[in-house]
Each structure stands twice: as C-alpha cells, then as structure tokens.
Protein backbone atom coordinates (compact mmCIF):
# COMPACT_ATOMS: atom_id res chain seq x y z
CA MET A 1 81.89 84.75 116.91
CA LYS A 2 85.26 84.65 118.70
CA ASN A 3 86.04 81.28 117.13
CA ASN A 4 84.83 82.20 113.61
CA TYR A 5 86.34 85.66 113.22
CA ASN A 6 89.30 86.21 110.86
CA PRO A 7 91.36 89.42 110.58
CA LEU A 8 90.80 89.19 106.81
CA TYR A 9 87.36 90.67 107.52
CA PHE A 10 89.20 93.99 107.67
CA LEU A 11 89.26 93.62 103.88
CA ALA A 12 85.47 94.28 103.96
CA ALA A 13 86.21 97.70 105.46
CA LEU A 14 89.06 98.18 103.01
CA GLY A 15 86.87 97.45 100.02
CA ASN A 16 84.18 99.89 101.09
CA GLY A 17 86.84 102.55 101.66
CA GLY A 18 88.34 101.94 98.23
CA LEU A 19 84.89 102.30 96.61
CA ALA A 20 84.31 105.62 98.38
CA VAL A 21 87.58 106.87 96.95
CA SER A 22 86.69 105.44 93.55
CA PHE A 23 83.69 107.68 93.22
CA PHE A 24 85.87 110.61 94.13
CA MET A 25 87.84 109.84 90.92
CA TYR A 26 84.93 111.12 88.83
CA LEU A 27 85.11 114.45 90.66
CA MET A 28 88.90 114.40 90.62
CA PHE A 29 89.16 114.10 86.87
CA MET A 30 85.91 115.55 85.56
CA VAL A 31 85.51 118.65 87.66
CA PRO A 32 87.95 121.44 86.72
CA HIS A 33 90.33 122.45 89.52
CA PRO A 34 93.14 124.46 87.94
CA ASP A 35 94.30 125.97 91.22
CA THR A 36 94.64 122.83 93.29
CA PRO A 37 95.88 119.22 92.61
CA MET A 38 92.50 117.75 93.48
CA ALA A 39 88.87 118.71 93.31
CA THR A 40 87.56 120.37 96.44
CA PHE A 41 84.23 121.60 97.75
CA ASN A 42 84.89 125.07 96.31
CA HIS A 43 85.18 123.51 92.78
CA ILE A 44 82.37 121.05 93.10
CA TYR A 45 79.61 123.14 94.78
CA PRO A 46 79.16 125.53 91.74
CA TYR A 47 78.46 122.61 89.49
CA VAL A 48 75.98 121.09 91.90
CA THR A 49 74.02 124.30 92.00
CA GLY A 50 74.58 125.12 88.32
CA ALA A 51 72.04 125.38 85.52
CA ASP A 52 72.98 122.01 83.88
CA THR A 53 70.69 119.50 85.53
CA PHE A 54 72.49 116.45 84.14
CA ILE A 55 75.82 117.52 85.56
CA SER A 56 74.24 118.47 88.84
CA ILE A 57 72.60 115.09 89.22
CA SER A 58 75.71 113.17 88.17
CA ILE A 59 77.85 114.94 90.74
CA VAL A 60 75.23 114.43 93.45
CA ILE A 61 75.08 110.69 92.63
CA ALA A 62 78.89 110.49 93.03
CA LEU A 63 78.78 112.38 96.28
CA LEU A 64 76.00 110.10 97.69
CA ALA A 65 77.97 107.06 96.68
CA MET A 66 81.02 108.43 98.47
CA ILE A 67 78.94 109.06 101.59
CA TYR A 68 77.40 105.57 101.50
CA PHE A 69 80.60 103.65 101.03
CA ALA A 70 82.46 105.84 103.53
CA PHE A 71 79.78 105.09 106.10
CA ARG A 72 80.05 101.40 105.43
CA HIS A 73 83.85 101.67 105.59
CA PHE A 74 83.78 103.20 109.15
CA GLU A 75 80.98 100.88 110.16
CA LYS A 76 83.08 97.81 109.20
CA VAL A 77 86.20 99.23 110.80
CA ILE A 78 84.38 99.69 114.16
CA TRP A 79 82.97 96.18 113.89
CA ASN A 80 86.31 94.62 113.03
CA VAL A 81 88.09 96.36 115.87
CA LYS A 82 85.52 95.05 118.43
CA GLU A 83 85.69 91.52 116.99
CA PHE A 84 89.38 91.50 116.73
CA ASN A 85 89.76 92.43 120.40
CA LYS A 86 87.61 89.42 121.29
CA PHE A 87 89.52 87.25 118.84
CA LYS A 88 92.90 88.10 120.50
CA LYS A 89 91.72 86.21 123.61
CA THR A 90 91.16 82.92 121.80
CA ASP A 91 93.29 79.91 121.02
CA ALA A 92 92.63 80.59 117.32
CA TYR A 93 94.54 83.88 117.59
CA LYS A 94 97.53 82.05 119.07
CA ALA A 95 97.38 79.47 116.31
CA LEU A 96 97.19 82.24 113.72
CA ARG A 97 100.35 83.90 115.18
CA SER A 98 102.31 80.67 114.77
CA SER A 99 101.30 79.87 111.20
CA ASN A 100 101.72 81.22 107.72
CA GLY A 101 98.30 82.85 108.24
CA GLU A 102 99.83 85.51 110.50
CA VAL A 103 100.06 87.67 107.42
CA ALA A 104 96.35 88.23 107.74
CA LEU A 105 97.23 90.73 110.57
CA MET A 106 98.66 93.00 107.84
CA ALA A 107 95.10 93.69 106.79
CA ILE A 108 94.81 95.93 109.94
CA PRO A 109 97.43 98.58 109.05
CA LEU A 110 96.34 98.28 105.36
CA THR A 111 92.77 99.22 106.36
CA PHE A 112 93.82 102.05 108.63
CA SER A 113 95.94 103.46 105.83
CA MET A 114 92.88 103.49 103.67
CA MET A 115 90.90 105.15 106.41
CA ILE A 116 93.29 108.08 106.32
CA ASN A 117 92.78 108.45 102.58
CA VAL A 118 89.00 108.31 102.99
CA LEU A 119 89.09 111.04 105.67
CA PHE A 120 91.32 113.13 103.31
CA VAL A 121 88.90 113.03 100.34
CA LEU A 122 85.83 113.49 102.49
CA GLY A 123 87.32 116.59 104.10
CA ALA A 124 88.34 118.05 100.72
CA VAL A 125 84.94 117.42 99.16
CA PHE A 126 82.54 118.18 101.95
CA VAL A 127 84.25 120.84 104.16
CA PRO A 128 84.14 124.36 102.55
CA GLY A 129 87.48 126.08 102.49
CA LEU A 130 89.41 123.23 104.07
CA TRP A 131 91.91 123.30 101.29
CA ASP A 132 93.03 126.74 102.40
CA TYR A 133 94.65 124.98 105.42
CA VAL A 134 95.90 121.84 103.64
CA GLN A 135 99.54 122.87 104.11
CA PHE A 136 99.03 122.82 107.84
CA LEU A 137 97.26 119.46 107.69
CA LEU A 138 99.80 117.59 105.52
CA PRO A 139 102.39 117.22 108.41
CA PHE A 140 99.62 115.51 110.42
CA ALA A 141 99.06 113.17 107.46
CA LEU A 142 102.76 112.29 107.64
CA ILE A 143 102.45 111.52 111.27
CA GLY A 144 99.42 109.37 110.65
CA PHE A 145 101.17 107.25 108.06
CA MET A 146 104.30 107.03 110.18
CA VAL A 147 102.14 105.46 112.96
CA VAL A 148 100.43 103.06 110.61
CA GLY A 149 103.76 102.28 108.89
CA TYR A 150 105.38 101.54 112.27
CA PHE A 151 102.68 99.02 113.21
CA ALA A 152 102.85 97.43 109.77
CA LEU A 153 106.62 96.94 110.12
CA LYS A 154 106.12 95.71 113.67
CA ILE A 155 103.75 92.93 112.51
CA PHE A 156 105.94 92.08 109.50
CA VAL A 157 109.23 92.02 111.37
CA ARG A 158 107.85 89.73 114.06
CA MET A 159 106.48 87.34 111.49
CA MET A 160 109.62 87.26 109.39
CA THR A 161 111.77 86.80 112.48
CA ARG A 162 109.70 83.80 113.41
CA PHE A 163 109.97 82.35 109.91
CA MET A 164 113.74 82.82 109.95
CA THR A 165 114.47 81.48 113.46
CA THR A 166 111.98 78.75 114.06
CA SER A 167 111.52 77.14 110.66
CA SER A 168 107.79 77.68 111.09
CA PHE A 169 107.04 78.80 107.49
CA LYS A 170 105.25 75.91 105.87
CA GLU A 171 106.07 75.85 102.14
CA GLU A 172 103.41 73.18 101.39
CA ALA A 173 100.77 75.54 102.81
CA ASN A 174 101.95 78.50 100.70
CA ASN A 175 100.27 77.45 97.42
CA HIS A 176 98.73 80.94 96.97
CA PHE A 177 99.81 84.61 97.05
CA SER A 178 98.36 85.58 100.43
CA GLN A 179 101.74 86.62 101.68
CA LEU A 180 101.51 89.55 99.24
CA LEU A 181 99.10 91.08 101.82
CA SER A 182 102.21 92.43 103.53
CA VAL A 183 103.23 94.09 100.24
CA PHE A 184 99.73 95.48 99.80
CA ALA A 185 99.97 97.09 103.27
CA PHE A 186 103.40 98.58 102.59
CA THR A 187 102.41 99.98 99.20
CA MET A 188 99.26 101.56 100.77
CA VAL A 189 101.55 103.25 103.33
CA GLY A 190 103.96 104.31 100.50
CA VAL A 191 101.27 105.92 98.46
CA GLY A 192 100.01 107.74 101.58
CA PHE A 193 103.41 109.27 102.21
CA ALA A 194 103.63 110.25 98.53
CA ALA A 195 100.57 112.54 98.91
CA PRO A 196 102.24 115.19 101.13
CA GLY A 197 105.42 114.56 99.09
CA ALA A 198 103.51 115.80 96.01
CA MET A 199 101.23 118.46 97.52
CA SER A 200 103.27 120.11 100.22
CA HIS A 201 104.89 123.44 99.39
CA ASN A 202 107.30 122.96 102.25
CA LEU A 203 110.51 121.37 100.98
CA VAL A 204 111.14 119.45 104.25
CA ILE A 205 107.60 118.01 104.38
CA SER A 206 107.75 117.19 100.71
CA ALA A 207 111.21 115.49 100.99
CA THR A 208 110.15 113.50 104.07
CA GLY A 209 107.02 112.27 102.38
CA ILE A 210 108.95 111.28 99.21
CA PHE A 211 111.75 109.57 101.23
CA PHE A 212 109.40 107.37 103.17
CA SER A 213 107.31 106.70 100.10
CA ILE A 214 110.35 105.42 98.36
CA LEU A 215 111.36 103.38 101.46
CA PHE A 216 108.05 101.48 101.61
CA THR A 217 107.80 101.15 97.81
CA VAL A 218 111.33 99.68 97.46
CA LEU A 219 110.62 97.26 100.31
CA SER A 220 107.43 96.23 98.53
CA VAL A 221 109.16 95.61 95.21
CA ILE A 222 111.74 93.32 96.95
CA LEU A 223 108.96 91.44 98.70
CA ILE A 224 107.00 90.97 95.51
CA ILE A 225 109.92 89.07 93.99
CA VAL A 226 110.32 86.93 97.11
CA TRP A 227 106.64 86.06 97.68
CA ILE A 228 105.80 85.55 94.04
CA GLY A 229 108.70 83.19 93.67
CA LEU A 230 107.88 81.22 96.81
CA GLY A 231 104.18 81.14 95.96
CA LEU A 232 104.65 79.91 92.40
CA ARG A 233 106.97 77.13 93.60
CA SER A 234 104.35 75.82 95.89
CA ILE A 235 101.44 76.34 93.46
CA PHE A 236 103.20 74.44 90.72
CA LYS A 237 103.85 71.59 93.12
CA ASN A 238 100.54 71.49 95.02
CA GLY A 239 98.13 73.40 92.90
CA PHE A 240 96.36 76.70 93.95
CA ALA A 241 94.60 76.56 97.23
CA LEU A 242 90.90 77.12 96.58
CA GLU A 243 90.02 79.30 99.53
CA ALA A 244 93.03 81.54 99.08
CA SER A 245 92.65 81.79 95.30
CA PRO A 246 91.52 85.47 95.28
CA SER A 247 95.10 86.26 96.15
CA VAL A 248 95.84 85.59 92.46
CA TRP A 249 94.58 89.16 91.83
CA MET A 250 96.38 90.80 94.75
CA LEU A 251 99.08 92.22 92.45
CA ILE A 252 96.43 94.32 90.73
CA PRO A 253 95.84 96.78 93.65
CA ILE A 254 99.54 96.58 94.50
CA LEU A 255 100.40 97.74 90.99
CA THR A 256 97.81 100.55 91.16
CA LEU A 257 99.38 101.87 94.38
CA ILE A 258 102.90 101.64 92.91
CA GLY A 259 101.67 103.44 89.78
CA ILE A 260 99.97 106.31 91.81
CA THR A 261 103.07 106.54 94.04
CA GLY A 262 105.16 107.02 90.89
CA VAL A 263 102.81 109.79 89.72
CA ARG A 264 102.88 111.59 93.09
CA VAL A 265 106.75 111.27 93.60
CA THR A 266 107.39 112.42 90.06
CA SER A 267 105.09 115.40 90.53
CA GLY A 268 106.61 116.24 93.95
CA LEU A 269 110.17 116.10 92.62
CA ALA A 270 109.25 118.16 89.56
CA HIS A 271 107.37 120.90 91.38
CA ASN A 272 109.39 121.19 94.61
CA PHE A 273 112.92 120.28 93.43
CA LEU A 274 113.00 121.32 89.75
CA GLY A 275 110.37 124.03 89.67
CA THR A 276 108.68 122.61 86.61
CA ASP A 277 105.88 120.28 85.58
CA PRO A 278 106.61 116.62 84.77
CA HIS A 279 106.33 115.70 81.07
CA PRO A 280 103.04 113.79 80.50
CA LEU A 281 104.82 111.19 78.36
CA ILE A 282 106.24 109.83 81.64
CA PHE A 283 102.76 108.99 82.83
CA PHE A 284 101.67 107.55 79.44
CA VAL A 285 104.61 105.11 79.50
CA GLY A 286 104.61 104.35 83.26
CA LEU A 287 100.85 104.00 83.79
CA GLY A 288 100.45 102.23 80.48
CA ALA A 289 102.94 99.65 81.53
CA VAL A 290 101.22 99.05 84.84
CA ILE A 291 97.68 98.81 83.39
CA THR A 292 98.74 96.30 80.67
CA ALA A 293 100.29 94.16 83.44
CA GLN A 294 96.95 94.41 85.36
CA ILE A 295 95.03 93.30 82.30
CA VAL A 296 97.25 90.20 81.93
CA ILE A 297 96.95 89.38 85.61
CA GLY A 298 93.21 90.01 85.51
CA ILE A 299 92.67 87.58 82.63
CA LEU A 300 94.96 84.87 84.12
CA GLY A 301 93.38 85.23 87.56
CA TYR A 302 89.79 84.99 86.21
CA SER A 303 90.75 81.84 84.38
CA VAL A 304 92.23 80.37 87.57
CA LEU A 305 89.35 81.35 89.77
CA THR A 306 86.79 80.04 87.20
CA LYS A 307 88.64 76.77 86.81
CA LEU A 308 88.78 76.23 90.55
CA GLY A 309 85.04 77.16 90.81
CA TYR A 310 85.75 79.86 93.35
CA PHE A 311 82.87 82.15 92.26
CA ASN A 312 80.28 79.37 92.35
CA THR A 313 81.51 78.18 95.74
CA PHE A 314 82.20 81.40 97.73
CA VAL A 315 80.36 84.16 95.89
CA GLY A 316 77.21 82.49 94.37
CA GLY A 317 77.38 79.35 96.55
CA ASN A 318 76.66 78.54 100.18
CA LYS A 319 80.17 78.71 101.60
CA ASN A 320 81.77 81.76 103.23
CA SER A 321 85.34 82.85 103.47
CA ALA A 322 86.63 86.08 104.88
CA GLY A 323 89.27 86.08 102.07
CA SER A 324 86.41 86.58 99.53
CA TYR A 325 86.55 90.26 100.25
CA GLY A 326 89.96 90.14 98.58
CA LEU A 327 87.95 90.20 95.28
CA ILE A 328 86.88 93.77 95.87
CA CYS A 329 90.22 95.65 95.96
CA PRO A 330 91.41 94.42 92.50
CA GLY A 331 88.20 95.75 90.80
CA VAL A 332 88.47 99.11 92.67
CA ALA A 333 92.18 99.42 91.87
CA PHE A 334 91.73 98.65 88.15
CA PHE A 335 89.12 101.39 87.91
CA VAL A 336 91.27 103.90 89.78
CA LEU A 337 94.32 103.31 87.66
CA GLY A 338 92.12 103.38 84.55
CA MET A 339 91.01 106.94 85.48
CA PHE A 340 94.59 107.98 86.02
CA PHE A 341 95.85 106.48 82.73
CA THR A 342 92.93 107.91 80.78
CA HIS A 343 93.44 111.46 82.00
CA TRP A 344 97.17 111.70 82.76
CA GLY A 345 98.32 109.26 80.08
CA LEU A 346 95.88 109.94 77.20
CA VAL A 347 94.08 113.30 77.67
CA GLN A 348 97.20 115.20 78.82
CA ASN A 349 99.19 113.80 75.87
CA GLY A 350 96.50 114.82 73.38
CA VAL A 351 95.73 111.24 72.36
CA ILE A 352 92.00 111.80 73.05
CA ASP A 353 89.93 114.80 74.00
CA GLN A 354 88.15 114.88 77.29
CA PHE A 355 84.37 114.12 77.09
CA SER A 356 84.75 112.97 73.46
CA VAL A 357 83.18 109.78 72.16
CA ALA A 358 86.52 108.04 72.31
CA TYR A 359 86.99 109.23 75.84
CA PHE A 360 83.83 107.55 77.09
CA ILE A 361 84.47 104.33 75.05
CA ILE A 362 87.92 103.98 76.80
CA LEU A 363 86.36 104.68 80.21
CA ALA A 364 83.50 102.22 79.67
CA PRO A 365 85.37 98.99 80.61
CA PHE A 366 86.78 100.58 83.72
CA VAL A 367 83.39 101.82 84.86
CA PHE A 368 81.96 98.35 84.09
CA VAL A 369 84.58 96.77 86.38
CA GLN A 370 83.75 99.24 89.11
CA PHE A 371 80.07 98.43 89.07
CA LYS A 372 80.62 94.75 88.75
CA THR A 373 82.83 95.02 91.83
CA ILE A 374 79.96 96.80 93.76
CA HIS A 375 77.62 93.95 92.68
CA VAL A 376 80.08 91.34 94.07
CA LEU A 377 80.48 93.30 97.26
CA PHE A 378 76.67 93.37 97.82
CA LYS A 379 76.52 89.62 97.25
CA LEU A 380 79.35 89.06 99.75
CA ASN A 381 77.65 91.24 102.36
CA LYS A 382 74.42 89.28 101.87
CA ASN A 383 76.33 86.03 102.34
CA HIS A 384 78.48 87.06 105.36
CA PHE A 385 76.09 89.47 107.21
CA ASN A 386 72.52 88.81 108.09
CA SER A 387 71.25 92.31 107.20
CA THR A 388 72.40 95.77 106.15
CA ALA A 389 73.48 96.33 109.72
CA VAL A 390 76.82 94.87 110.73
CA LYS A 391 76.20 91.49 112.24
CA GLU A 392 77.93 88.25 112.81
CA PRO A 393 78.92 86.32 109.73
CA LYS A 394 77.06 83.07 109.28
CA VAL A 395 79.73 80.39 108.73
CA GLN A 396 83.40 80.88 108.52
CA GLU A 397 85.47 78.29 106.67
CA LYS A 398 89.13 77.78 107.62
CA THR A 399 91.37 80.30 105.97
CA ALA A 400 94.43 79.03 104.13
C-alpha cells in the first residue's frame, strides 16, 4: 500500500464529512430556531418526539444520515493518517514533494478543517444544552482553525518557494485545475474563521474571526486568478489531463465556501459592529451570483468529463484514481449553497413561502444533486475499498 497511496485519498474523508454537514442543512433551515443562529438539540428534540409522525421520521432520517457520514468521515481520517505516515517513508513521497503534485498535500489541512466543522454540528445537534456554552467554545474554534491555517500556509509556502527558486513547476503537466486544491483549503479555513466571527458576542473574538476569514479569502481570490490562468494556458495547449479532470469542478466548492463566508462576515459585521440585521437583498444578489456561476461551471464541467470519458473510466469502469473523490465535494457544495440561497435569498426576501409548492420545486434539483453525489460516493467506495470496512484500495493509477 505504501507505493499506491496518494494524499488525495483525504478527499474521501472530506466528502463524507461534507455529506454529514449537508444533512444538517435540512435541520438548519427547516427546524425553527429563533433564539440561535443554528438549529440545536433543544430545537430538534421536541419535533422528534412530537405528534407529527412524518416530521419525526424525516428528522430522524436526517440525524441518522449525519451519524453515518460522520462515522465514515472519522473512519477515513484515521485510515488516511495511518497510510500517510507510511507513505512519507517512501520514494514516492519524495517524488511528490518535488513535482507539481505536491499540492495534493493541501488535502490534509482541508480535511482537518472539515473535521472541525463536523464536530461543531455534531455537538450542536446531539449534545443537550451545549449551545449554552458556545461563547466559551468559540475561542477554541479560532485556535483550531489557526493551527490548521498555519499548516496549510506552511505546505503552500514551501511549495511556492520551490516553484519560484528551482524552476520545478512543469507547465506542460499543469493541464488541469488541481492547483486549486490550495485555494480549496484556504477557503475552508476562511469559512471556519467566519463562524466565530458571526456568532461570537465578544467583539474581540468576532473581529479576530472576521479578520482571519478575510485574510484567507482574499488570498484565495488572488490564487484563483493565478491558477485558473496558468491552468487554462496549459489546457488549451495540451488538452485536459484525463485523470485530473474532476478538478474542472473544483471551483464549485470554492465558490460555496466564499459565498458562506460572505454570509457569515456580513452577519457578524451587522450584528456586532452596527447593531442591526443585514438586509436580505444582499444575500439574494450575492448568493444568486455565486449559484449561477456554479451552474455554468457544472454544465461545462459535465460536458468536459463526459467528452473525456471520465465517468465510464474511473467511476463506472475498472480503473481507480484517488482524485475521483474530487467528484464528491462539488455535489455537496452545490446542495449546501442551494439551501442557503433558497432560504436566505428567496424565503427571507418574500419571493417564495417556506414549505410551499414553489419552495419544494426549487429545492428539488439541489436534493437530486445531493443524492446523486451519495450514489457516486458509494460507487467509488466499492471501486477503491474491498468492503464497507476501510481497507486497502485495489489499484492506484498515477495521479497527474
């Protein structure tokens, strides 16, 4: 396994964690929680034990899905950490650290950022009364994201220093958007910082979270311009690399994280600095712009992946690639932003009524994408792992 492992397998853990959070979105937006910014155990439990059987069953299903995907997330994190420690002792690791593929190491802080988010929602949903102590916990969340952000920057700075001082960046091998993995990691750290920035009642904690959130988000926007430009230049010259082609969709989760960061920073500034609520039109315009960009990227990416035959080769075929797990995050991200846009952009502006026919019609395509993503994840697990337990992947193709 030491010779076949790739750090991109951390994306398997990331995808499961994202799906756990995605099922929390149903509770977040459909269970009333007027006294807190997110649904907690104290809001959810009365509906689970309430008289309406349909609502109770629906909530229990969402909770069970959260538990399942959270378990798979932690399972895959543990497995990856063990395999990565073995991988670090191999020549393949040394080769990775001297190539364009070093960016794959950014999947590690990216996944650990997601793990903090998973722990946060699990605590809120399953621990009675935990929210009463959330103001004491938010500073620890800041510390957690500072640690993850530090290691993300450490990996990135080393890689960029090598690119700039040794001419080791191979433009001909950059005919994909895999370098955006660094942006993905930074935006995940940025949205994490934005959470205490929005929810803390302490001005210092809120300001600190907002400042670091802006720092990582601005860095991400700069890098998007750089890596998209370099990637397109090589793609137009050499064609899209087949095995790395899922990176065509990497902007989708990045845009979701930037959009949610915008929501959180705007809310934090309004509540803690201005003493008011942000106008919902801001979210209609901002989230609407992001989701339309995602739709365009999604259509273009699907066309590219289909033309290259990626799905038939690496999802439905007999070849495996760790990068295939990069297909999961875009689906999760599109669903999550769809929930934010539907509720913050449409319901809050009075465009549609919650739980109306129009409401469910608008949600339908997002829910379809969520469940299609789960279907793809199960197929990938079947291809890469021998059983429901975490085992060694079968065959690993060389990653671009």
